Amino acid sequence: MQVKVDKKGAIGRVLQIAVPAERLESEIKTRLQRMAKNAKIPGFRPGKAPFSVIESKYRADAEEDVVGNVVESSLREALESKELRMAVQPDLNIQPYDKEKGLSYTATFDIHPELKKLDLAGIKVKVPIADVSDADIDRTIETMRKQHVTWQDTDKKLATGDRLMMDFVGSLDGEEFEGGAAQDFALIAGEGQMLEDFEKGVVGMKAGDQKAIKVKFPKDYGVETLAGKTADFAITAKSVSESTLPAVDDEFAKLFGVDDGGVESLRSEVKNNLARELKTKLRSVTKERVFEAILGQNKIELPGKMVEQEIDSLIERQNSYAKEMAGGAALPELPEPDREAQRVEAERRVALGLIMMELVHEKNIKVDGERVRARVEEMSTGYERSEEFVNWYYGDKQRLAQVESIVLEEQVVEYLIESAKTTEEKVDLDDLMQ
């Protein structure tokens, strides 16, 4: 077999491969002989037809299969002989097979870029640390109280924290615009549900009031026809309600499944939940800081095909999210996706992926099975039948592979952070979660 390598830039490669006919003919003959044992040819008993008849009838199929297999195996051999590692699947240009001349084809692809530094020696990385405080627990319980708020109609004027039930109609230059009207719309004053001018405009209204207000849309507003414009809104206040929050007592604790131990047990459960969320968030922030540090050490040329594939993936995720948010409703016709808007994020993801792969390859980092098990068990703690949850994960290789990927990524992060100059950074849990 003959192999020639041509370079296209820093990471582009073109392999020209020629495989002698003898190799293919031998495989084609072997395949035809296997086929002859069961071939049903009119006029002959099964397996008794002359080889020439079998070849005449089945050679084209056998040749197609053998060419495919030989391309795969010979490409693998060529890569090994030239010590090349493909970053993406190649573009193949296969010439028609010739019984005399053999098989020739070209494989065009990008190799893994050369990385300058696979550690963080001498690089400063701040590792965030945080604890769950009583104030964090109090703040969470306050949020839980708001989830069970009750409303009582009042004759007073709308103030911050009150709820306004209203109808409104928006118009631009005297014409109503699409999406600018609603009936029985609930607005809680001061929570930023609506644009600032709108919220300021309705404060002070009472049930039965009607009012016209002007609302300035920001220049970067998502609807192009409204961006930077000032619209008129006609408001009809239908009711104003004050909120009443439940007392934090044993009955309140029962609302969240805490039947024994009352408020103290509720606070303990809240603390445990916050601690789990905090642990996950600290991992995530640390990982991102390590990733930014290692990216800064490796400015690399990226395989263009990988970047385009990642852009496709990002756009597909956005479309899937839009469908999910629509809840089964028909989506309007979406504009052509802006691929360039996704390029920076796609390039970042591809660069990180290449660095991760190279680290796993060069440092021979193997996924820790015990850590995978511990992570699945950790994930199961929020479920009543935790053992069934664990078995469910281990019952599906693809599902388990997702956890293995997360754990392997964490092991890579730990490897990198060992070589860095780390300092602890005390952070507030609420700020961290924001």
Protein backbone atom coordinates (compact mmCIF):
# COMPACT_ATOMS: atom_id res chain seq x y z
CA MET A 1 0.00 0.00 0.00
CA GLN A 2 1.28 3.45 -0.90
CA VAL A 3 0.56 6.48 1.29
CA LYS A 4 1.43 10.10 0.60
CA VAL A 5 0.68 13.00 2.99
CA ASP A 6 0.09 16.60 1.90
CA LYS A 7 -0.32 19.48 4.36
CA LYS A 8 -3.05 22.10 4.15
CA GLY A 9 -2.23 24.76 6.71
CA ALA A 10 -1.32 23.97 10.30
CA ILE A 11 -3.79 21.15 10.88
CA GLY A 12 -5.21 20.22 7.46
CA ARG A 13 -3.99 16.98 5.93
CA VAL A 14 -4.67 15.13 2.67
CA LEU A 15 -3.80 11.44 2.46
CA GLN A 16 -3.38 9.92 -0.99
CA ILE A 17 -3.73 6.15 -0.59
CA ALA A 18 -3.26 3.43 -3.20
CA VAL A 19 -4.16 -0.18 -2.37
CA PRO A 20 -2.94 -2.92 -4.76
CA ALA A 21 -5.57 -4.95 -6.60
CA GLU A 22 -4.23 -8.21 -5.14
CA ARG A 23 -5.51 -7.29 -1.68
CA LEU A 24 -9.01 -6.53 -2.88
CA GLU A 25 -9.23 -9.42 -5.33
CA SER A 26 -8.31 -11.84 -2.56
CA GLU A 27 -11.07 -10.48 -0.34
CA ILE A 28 -13.59 -10.36 -3.18
CA LYS A 29 -12.87 -14.01 -4.01
CA THR A 30 -13.25 -15.06 -0.38
CA ARG A 31 -16.56 -13.21 -0.11
CA LEU A 32 -17.89 -14.76 -3.34
CA GLN A 33 -16.92 -18.23 -2.13
CA ARG A 34 -18.93 -17.68 1.04
CA MET A 35 -21.89 -16.42 -0.97
CA ALA A 36 -21.69 -19.45 -3.32
CA LYS A 37 -22.48 -21.87 -0.47
CA ASN A 38 -26.03 -20.56 -0.13
CA ALA A 39 -26.65 -18.91 -3.51
CA LYS A 40 -29.84 -20.00 -5.29
CA ILE A 41 -29.16 -20.02 -9.03
CA PRO A 42 -31.86 -21.29 -11.40
CA GLY A 43 -30.84 -24.67 -12.85
CA PHE A 44 -28.38 -25.51 -10.06
CA ARG A 45 -28.77 -27.01 -6.61
CA PRO A 46 -27.87 -24.62 -3.72
CA GLY A 47 -24.09 -24.34 -3.48
CA LYS A 48 -23.43 -26.23 -6.73
CA ALA A 49 -23.35 -23.35 -9.24
CA PRO A 50 -19.98 -22.80 -10.99
CA PHE A 51 -17.85 -20.03 -9.50
CA SER A 52 -17.93 -18.12 -12.81
CA VAL A 53 -21.73 -17.95 -12.60
CA ILE A 54 -21.58 -16.74 -8.97
CA GLU A 55 -19.01 -14.13 -9.91
CA SER A 56 -21.06 -12.90 -12.84
CA LYS A 57 -24.16 -12.48 -10.68
CA TYR A 58 -22.73 -11.25 -7.38
CA ARG A 59 -19.35 -9.63 -8.07
CA ALA A 60 -20.70 -6.06 -8.13
CA ASP A 61 -22.20 -6.47 -4.62
CA ALA A 62 -19.10 -8.20 -3.27
CA GLU A 63 -16.83 -5.56 -4.80
CA GLU A 64 -18.85 -2.72 -3.26
CA ASP A 65 -18.68 -4.29 0.21
CA VAL A 66 -14.95 -5.07 -0.05
CA VAL A 67 -14.06 -1.58 -1.30
CA GLY A 68 -15.89 -0.08 1.70
CA ASN A 69 -14.11 -2.38 4.14
CA VAL A 70 -10.70 -1.85 2.55
CA VAL A 71 -11.07 1.94 2.59
CA GLU A 72 -11.85 1.75 6.31
CA SER A 73 -9.00 -0.62 7.18
CA SER A 74 -6.40 0.96 4.88
CA LEU A 75 -7.18 4.44 6.18
CA ARG A 76 -6.66 3.23 9.73
CA GLU A 77 -3.33 1.65 8.71
CA ALA A 78 -2.24 4.82 6.90
CA LEU A 79 -3.02 7.00 9.92
CA GLU A 80 -1.03 4.69 12.19
CA SER A 81 1.93 4.56 9.81
CA LYS A 82 2.07 8.36 9.53
CA GLU A 83 1.26 8.88 13.25
CA LEU A 84 -1.72 11.08 12.53
CA ARG A 85 -4.76 11.59 14.78
CA MET A 86 -7.89 12.75 12.98
CA ALA A 87 -9.95 15.36 14.80
CA VAL A 88 -12.98 14.83 12.54
CA GLN A 89 -14.31 12.28 10.09
CA PRO A 90 -12.55 12.68 6.72
CA ASP A 91 -13.97 13.75 3.40
CA LEU A 92 -13.29 10.82 1.06
CA ASN A 93 -12.82 10.94 -2.69
CA ILE A 94 -12.79 7.31 -3.85
CA GLN A 95 -11.86 6.52 -7.44
CA PRO A 96 -13.65 3.67 -9.25
CA TYR A 97 -11.96 0.36 -8.45
CA ASP A 98 -9.85 -1.09 -11.26
CA LYS A 99 -9.03 -4.82 -11.26
CA GLU A 100 -5.64 -4.08 -12.78
CA LYS A 101 -4.63 -0.81 -11.11
CA GLY A 102 -6.23 -1.37 -7.71
CA LEU A 103 -7.98 1.12 -5.44
CA SER A 104 -6.97 4.74 -4.97
CA TYR A 105 -8.62 7.45 -2.90
CA THR A 106 -7.90 10.63 -0.98
CA ALA A 107 -8.90 11.42 2.59
CA THR A 108 -9.06 15.10 3.59
CA PHE A 109 -9.32 15.97 7.27
CA ASP A 110 -8.01 18.05 10.17
CA ILE A 111 -5.71 16.55 12.77
CA HIS A 112 -5.68 17.37 16.45
CA PRO A 113 -3.93 20.74 16.80
CA GLU A 114 -0.69 20.86 18.73
CA LEU A 115 -1.28 22.14 22.26
CA LYS A 116 1.39 24.26 23.88
CA LYS A 117 0.60 23.61 27.52
CA LEU A 118 -1.38 20.84 29.17
CA ASP A 119 -1.09 22.09 32.73
CA LEU A 120 -1.59 25.30 34.73
CA ALA A 121 1.86 25.52 36.31
CA GLY A 122 2.40 29.10 37.46
CA ILE A 123 -1.18 30.16 36.62
CA LYS A 124 -3.34 31.73 39.35
CA VAL A 125 -6.83 30.29 39.82
CA LYS A 126 -9.30 31.47 42.45
CA VAL A 127 -11.31 28.60 43.94
CA PRO A 128 -14.66 29.77 45.37
CA ILE A 129 -15.75 28.57 48.81
CA ALA A 130 -19.05 29.22 50.58
CA ASP A 131 -21.20 27.97 53.44
CA VAL A 132 -24.93 27.77 54.02
CA SER A 133 -25.81 30.40 56.64
CA ASP A 134 -28.95 30.96 58.71
CA ALA A 135 -29.63 34.00 56.54
CA ASP A 136 -29.59 31.76 53.43
CA ILE A 137 -32.09 29.42 55.07
CA ASP A 138 -34.30 32.36 56.11
CA ARG A 139 -34.22 33.77 52.58
CA THR A 140 -35.18 30.41 51.09
CA ILE A 141 -38.06 29.93 53.53
CA GLU A 142 -39.27 33.42 52.65
CA THR A 143 -39.37 32.37 49.00
CA MET A 144 -41.30 29.26 50.01
CA ARG A 145 -43.81 31.45 51.89
CA LYS A 146 -44.36 33.49 48.71
CA GLN A 147 -45.20 30.29 46.86
CA HIS A 148 -48.23 29.95 49.19
CA VAL A 149 -49.33 33.57 49.29
CA THR A 150 -53.04 34.38 49.48
CA TRP A 151 -54.62 37.52 48.08
CA GLN A 152 -57.37 39.70 49.52
CA ASP A 153 -59.08 42.41 47.47
CA THR A 154 -58.74 45.94 48.86
CA ASP A 155 -59.99 49.45 48.08
CA LYS A 156 -56.53 50.95 48.61
CA LYS A 157 -54.25 52.27 45.88
CA LEU A 158 -51.80 49.88 44.26
CA ALA A 159 -48.43 49.84 46.06
CA THR A 160 -45.28 47.76 45.80
CA GLY A 161 -46.04 44.12 46.58
CA ASP A 162 -49.75 44.41 45.75
CA ARG A 163 -51.39 42.58 42.87
CA LEU A 164 -53.26 44.37 40.12
CA MET A 165 -55.74 42.53 37.90
CA MET A 166 -56.22 44.58 34.75
CA ASP A 167 -57.10 44.81 31.08
CA PHE A 168 -54.85 46.83 28.79
CA VAL A 169 -54.57 47.78 25.14
CA GLY A 170 -51.36 49.12 23.58
CA SER A 171 -51.21 51.26 20.46
CA LEU A 172 -48.50 52.86 18.35
CA ASP A 173 -49.34 55.98 16.37
CA GLY A 174 -53.01 55.31 17.07
CA GLU A 175 -52.93 51.70 15.83
CA GLU A 176 -53.12 48.68 18.12
CA PHE A 177 -50.10 46.44 17.74
CA GLU A 178 -49.85 42.66 17.93
CA GLY A 179 -49.20 41.33 21.42
CA GLY A 180 -49.98 44.68 23.04
CA ALA A 181 -53.33 43.76 24.62
CA ALA A 182 -54.43 41.45 27.44
CA GLN A 183 -57.42 40.78 29.66
CA ASP A 184 -57.38 39.74 33.31
CA PHE A 185 -53.63 40.23 33.43
CA ALA A 186 -52.09 39.85 36.90
CA LEU A 187 -49.21 42.19 37.76
CA ILE A 188 -47.42 42.19 41.10
CA ALA A 189 -46.12 45.72 41.55
CA GLY A 190 -42.37 46.07 41.94
CA GLU A 191 -41.38 42.62 40.62
CA GLY A 192 -40.30 43.87 37.19
CA GLN A 193 -42.78 41.84 35.17
CA MET A 194 -43.35 44.72 32.75
CA LEU A 195 -41.26 47.57 31.37
CA GLU A 196 -40.31 50.21 33.91
CA ASP A 197 -42.60 52.93 32.46
CA PHE A 198 -45.55 50.52 32.56
CA GLU A 199 -44.99 49.53 36.19
CA LYS A 200 -44.51 53.12 37.31
CA GLY A 201 -47.60 54.16 35.39
CA VAL A 202 -50.01 51.79 37.14
CA VAL A 203 -48.81 52.43 40.71
CA GLY A 204 -51.51 54.31 42.63
CA MET A 205 -54.44 52.91 40.62
CA LYS A 206 -57.51 51.55 42.45
CA ALA A 207 -60.14 49.04 41.40
CA GLY A 208 -62.33 50.56 38.68
CA ASP A 209 -59.78 53.20 37.64
CA GLN A 210 -58.97 53.80 33.99
CA LYS A 211 -55.75 55.41 32.92
CA ALA A 212 -53.70 56.16 29.80
CA ILE A 213 -49.92 55.87 30.09
CA LYS A 214 -46.96 56.17 27.77
CA VAL A 215 -44.33 53.43 27.70
CA LYS A 216 -40.89 53.79 26.11
CA PHE A 217 -39.51 50.56 24.64
CA PRO A 218 -35.72 50.11 24.89
CA LYS A 219 -33.66 50.35 21.72
CA ASP A 220 -32.61 46.70 22.02
CA TYR A 221 -36.18 45.44 22.51
CA GLY A 222 -36.75 42.04 20.91
CA VAL A 223 -39.58 43.22 18.62
CA GLU A 224 -38.03 45.36 15.90
CA THR A 225 -41.22 47.35 15.21
CA LEU A 226 -41.34 48.49 18.86
CA ALA A 227 -37.64 48.94 19.62
CA GLY A 228 -36.94 52.55 20.64
CA LYS A 229 -40.61 53.58 20.16
CA THR A 230 -43.05 55.12 22.65
CA ALA A 231 -46.43 53.38 22.82
CA ASP A 232 -49.73 54.40 24.44
CA PHE A 233 -51.46 52.00 26.81
CA ALA A 234 -55.07 52.21 27.98
CA ILE A 235 -55.33 50.54 31.41
CA THR A 236 -58.48 49.36 33.20
CA ALA A 237 -57.88 48.31 36.81
CA LYS A 238 -60.26 45.49 37.76
CA SER A 239 -59.02 44.76 41.27
CA VAL A 240 -56.20 45.53 43.71
CA SER A 241 -55.23 42.82 46.20
CA GLU A 242 -52.96 42.70 49.22
CA SER A 243 -50.88 39.65 49.98
CA THR A 244 -50.94 37.55 53.12
CA LEU A 245 -48.04 35.18 53.71
CA PRO A 246 -48.48 32.01 55.79
CA ALA A 247 -46.94 31.83 59.24
CA VAL A 248 -43.83 29.66 59.54
CA ASP A 249 -45.19 26.96 61.83
CA ASP A 250 -45.77 23.22 61.90
CA GLU A 251 -48.67 23.50 59.44
CA PHE A 252 -46.43 25.42 57.05
CA ALA A 253 -43.78 22.67 57.31
CA LYS A 254 -46.41 20.05 56.39
CA LEU A 255 -47.04 21.89 53.12
CA PHE A 256 -43.55 20.74 52.08
CA GLY A 257 -43.88 17.14 53.23
CA VAL A 258 -42.31 17.63 56.67
CA ASP A 259 -44.77 15.83 58.96
CA ASP A 260 -42.46 15.33 61.95
CA GLY A 261 -40.20 17.81 63.68
CA GLY A 262 -42.00 20.95 62.53
CA VAL A 263 -40.09 24.09 61.66
CA GLU A 264 -36.72 22.80 62.85
CA SER A 265 -36.95 19.76 60.58
CA LEU A 266 -38.01 22.02 57.72
CA ARG A 267 -35.00 24.27 58.29
CA SER A 268 -32.72 21.20 58.39
CA GLU A 269 -34.14 19.93 55.09
CA VAL A 270 -33.77 23.36 53.50
CA LYS A 271 -30.17 23.50 54.67
CA ASN A 272 -29.40 20.07 53.19
CA ASN A 273 -30.98 21.03 49.87
CA LEU A 274 -29.05 24.29 49.76
CA ALA A 275 -25.84 22.45 50.58
CA ARG A 276 -26.38 20.10 47.62
CA GLU A 277 -27.11 23.03 45.30
CA LEU A 278 -24.07 24.88 46.64
CA LYS A 279 -21.80 21.89 46.07
CA THR A 280 -22.96 21.65 42.45
CA LYS A 281 -22.55 25.38 41.89
CA LEU A 282 -19.05 25.48 43.40
CA ARG A 283 -18.02 22.63 41.10
CA SER A 284 -19.42 24.49 38.12
CA VAL A 285 -17.76 27.83 38.90
CA THR A 286 -14.41 26.18 39.65
CA LYS A 287 -14.62 24.22 36.40
CA GLU A 288 -15.34 27.34 34.37
CA ARG A 289 -12.40 29.20 35.93
CA VAL A 290 -10.06 26.29 35.21
CA PHE A 291 -11.37 26.07 31.65
CA GLU A 292 -10.75 29.77 31.06
CA ALA A 293 -7.23 29.38 32.43
CA ILE A 294 -6.31 26.43 30.20
CA LEU A 295 -7.88 28.11 27.16
CA GLY A 296 -5.66 31.10 27.83
CA GLN A 297 -2.60 28.83 27.61
CA ASN A 298 -3.55 27.35 24.24
CA LYS A 299 -4.37 29.57 21.28
CA ILE A 300 -4.97 26.91 18.65
CA GLU A 301 -6.22 26.62 15.10
CA LEU A 302 -9.55 24.83 15.22
CA PRO A 303 -10.86 22.20 12.79
CA GLY A 304 -13.39 24.14 10.72
CA LYS A 305 -15.66 21.12 10.30
CA MET A 306 -15.90 20.66 14.06
CA VAL A 307 -16.82 24.32 14.56
CA GLU A 308 -19.57 24.13 11.94
CA GLN A 309 -20.93 20.96 13.52
CA GLU A 310 -20.97 22.66 16.93
CA ILE A 311 -22.84 25.65 15.47
CA ASP A 312 -25.41 23.18 14.10
CA SER A 313 -25.70 21.66 17.57
CA LEU A 314 -26.19 25.03 19.28
CA ILE A 315 -28.91 26.05 16.81
CA GLU A 316 -30.65 22.70 17.24
CA ARG A 317 -30.66 23.16 21.03
CA GLN A 318 -32.19 26.62 20.67
CA ASN A 319 -34.90 25.28 18.37
CA SER A 320 -35.64 22.41 20.75
CA TYR A 321 -35.88 24.85 23.65
CA ALA A 322 -38.29 27.05 21.68
CA LYS A 323 -40.51 24.03 20.96
CA GLU A 324 -40.40 23.01 24.61
CA MET A 325 -41.40 26.49 25.77
CA ALA A 326 -44.24 26.53 23.24
CA GLY A 327 -45.72 23.51 25.03
CA GLY A 328 -46.94 21.85 21.87
CA ALA A 329 -48.37 25.03 20.33
CA ALA A 330 -47.54 25.78 16.72
CA LEU A 331 -44.43 27.93 16.40
CA PRO A 332 -44.31 30.89 14.03
CA GLU A 333 -41.97 30.54 11.09
CA LEU A 334 -38.51 31.13 12.49
CA PRO A 335 -35.98 33.29 10.65
CA GLU A 336 -32.85 31.74 9.21
CA PRO A 337 -30.45 31.14 12.11
CA ASP A 338 -27.57 33.57 12.45
CA ARG A 339 -24.64 31.15 12.36
CA GLU A 340 -22.04 33.87 12.94
CA ALA A 341 -23.76 34.82 16.20
CA GLN A 342 -23.02 31.28 17.46
CA ARG A 343 -19.43 31.12 16.26
CA VAL A 344 -17.63 32.45 19.35
CA GLU A 345 -19.39 30.01 21.69
CA ALA A 346 -18.96 27.15 19.22
CA GLU A 347 -15.22 27.84 18.92
CA ARG A 348 -14.88 27.94 22.70
CA ARG A 349 -16.64 24.59 23.07
CA VAL A 350 -14.57 22.96 20.33
CA ALA A 351 -11.31 24.27 21.80
CA LEU A 352 -12.24 22.95 25.25
CA GLY A 353 -13.26 19.61 23.81
CA LEU A 354 -9.94 19.23 22.02
CA ILE A 355 -8.00 20.18 25.14
CA MET A 356 -10.00 17.72 27.25
CA MET A 357 -9.45 14.91 24.72
CA GLU A 358 -5.74 15.62 24.55
CA LEU A 359 -5.39 15.64 28.33
CA VAL A 360 -7.28 12.36 28.68
CA HIS A 361 -5.11 10.86 25.91
CA GLU A 362 -1.72 12.21 26.98
CA LYS A 363 -2.16 11.78 30.74
CA ASN A 364 -4.04 8.48 30.41
CA ILE A 365 -6.88 9.68 32.63
CA LYS A 366 -9.46 6.92 33.12
CA VAL A 367 -12.95 7.50 34.44
CA ASP A 368 -13.20 6.46 38.10
CA GLY A 369 -16.01 3.90 38.43
CA GLU A 370 -16.37 4.45 42.18
CA ARG A 371 -16.86 8.18 41.64
CA VAL A 372 -19.45 7.49 38.96
CA ARG A 373 -21.34 5.29 41.41
CA ALA A 374 -21.08 7.94 44.13
CA ARG A 375 -22.35 10.62 41.74
CA VAL A 376 -25.38 8.54 40.69
CA GLU A 377 -26.16 7.84 44.36
CA GLU A 378 -25.81 11.54 45.11
CA MET A 379 -28.28 12.31 42.30
CA SER A 380 -30.71 9.77 43.74
CA THR A 381 -31.03 11.48 47.14
CA GLY A 382 -33.97 13.60 46.01
CA TYR A 383 -35.99 10.51 45.09
CA GLU A 384 -38.10 8.41 47.43
CA ARG A 385 -36.93 5.14 45.84
CA SER A 386 -33.26 5.97 45.48
CA GLU A 387 -32.18 2.37 44.82
CA GLU A 388 -34.54 2.13 41.84
CA PHE A 389 -33.12 5.42 40.53
CA VAL A 390 -29.56 4.04 40.71
CA ASN A 391 -30.59 0.82 38.96
CA TRP A 392 -32.39 2.86 36.30
CA TYR A 393 -29.14 4.68 35.48
CA TYR A 394 -27.03 1.55 35.45
CA GLY A 395 -29.60 -0.20 33.28
CA ASP A 396 -28.86 2.03 30.29
CA LYS A 397 -25.28 2.40 28.98
CA GLN A 398 -26.05 5.65 27.16
CA ARG A 399 -27.63 7.20 30.24
CA LEU A 400 -24.72 6.10 32.43
CA ALA A 401 -22.23 7.45 29.86
CA GLN A 402 -23.58 10.95 30.53
CA VAL A 403 -22.56 10.68 34.18
CA GLU A 404 -19.23 9.10 33.24
CA SER A 405 -18.54 12.08 30.97
CA ILE A 406 -19.26 14.52 33.82
CA VAL A 407 -17.00 12.62 36.24
CA LEU A 408 -14.18 12.36 33.69
CA GLU A 409 -14.41 16.10 33.09
CA GLU A 410 -14.15 16.69 36.85
CA GLN A 411 -11.08 14.44 37.00
CA VAL A 412 -9.46 16.49 34.24
CA VAL A 413 -10.28 19.70 36.14
CA GLU A 414 -8.73 18.25 39.29
CA TYR A 415 -5.60 17.26 37.38
CA LEU A 416 -5.26 20.80 36.03
CA ILE A 417 -5.95 22.53 39.33
CA GLU A 418 -3.23 20.49 41.07
CA SER A 419 -0.61 22.29 38.98
CA ALA A 420 -2.11 25.78 39.38
CA LYS A 421 -1.41 28.43 42.03
CA THR A 422 -4.77 28.35 43.78
CA THR A 423 -6.22 30.77 46.31
CA GLU A 424 -9.55 30.44 48.08
CA GLU A 425 -12.16 33.11 47.45
CA LYS A 426 -14.92 33.42 50.03
CA VAL A 427 -18.22 34.11 48.28
CA ASP A 428 -21.79 34.64 49.43
CA LEU A 429 -24.16 31.80 48.57
CA ASP A 430 -26.85 34.14 47.24
CA ASP A 431 -24.37 35.97 45.01
CA LEU A 432 -23.00 32.64 43.79
CA MET A 433 -26.46 31.38 42.86
CA GLN A 434 -27.25 34.64 41.06
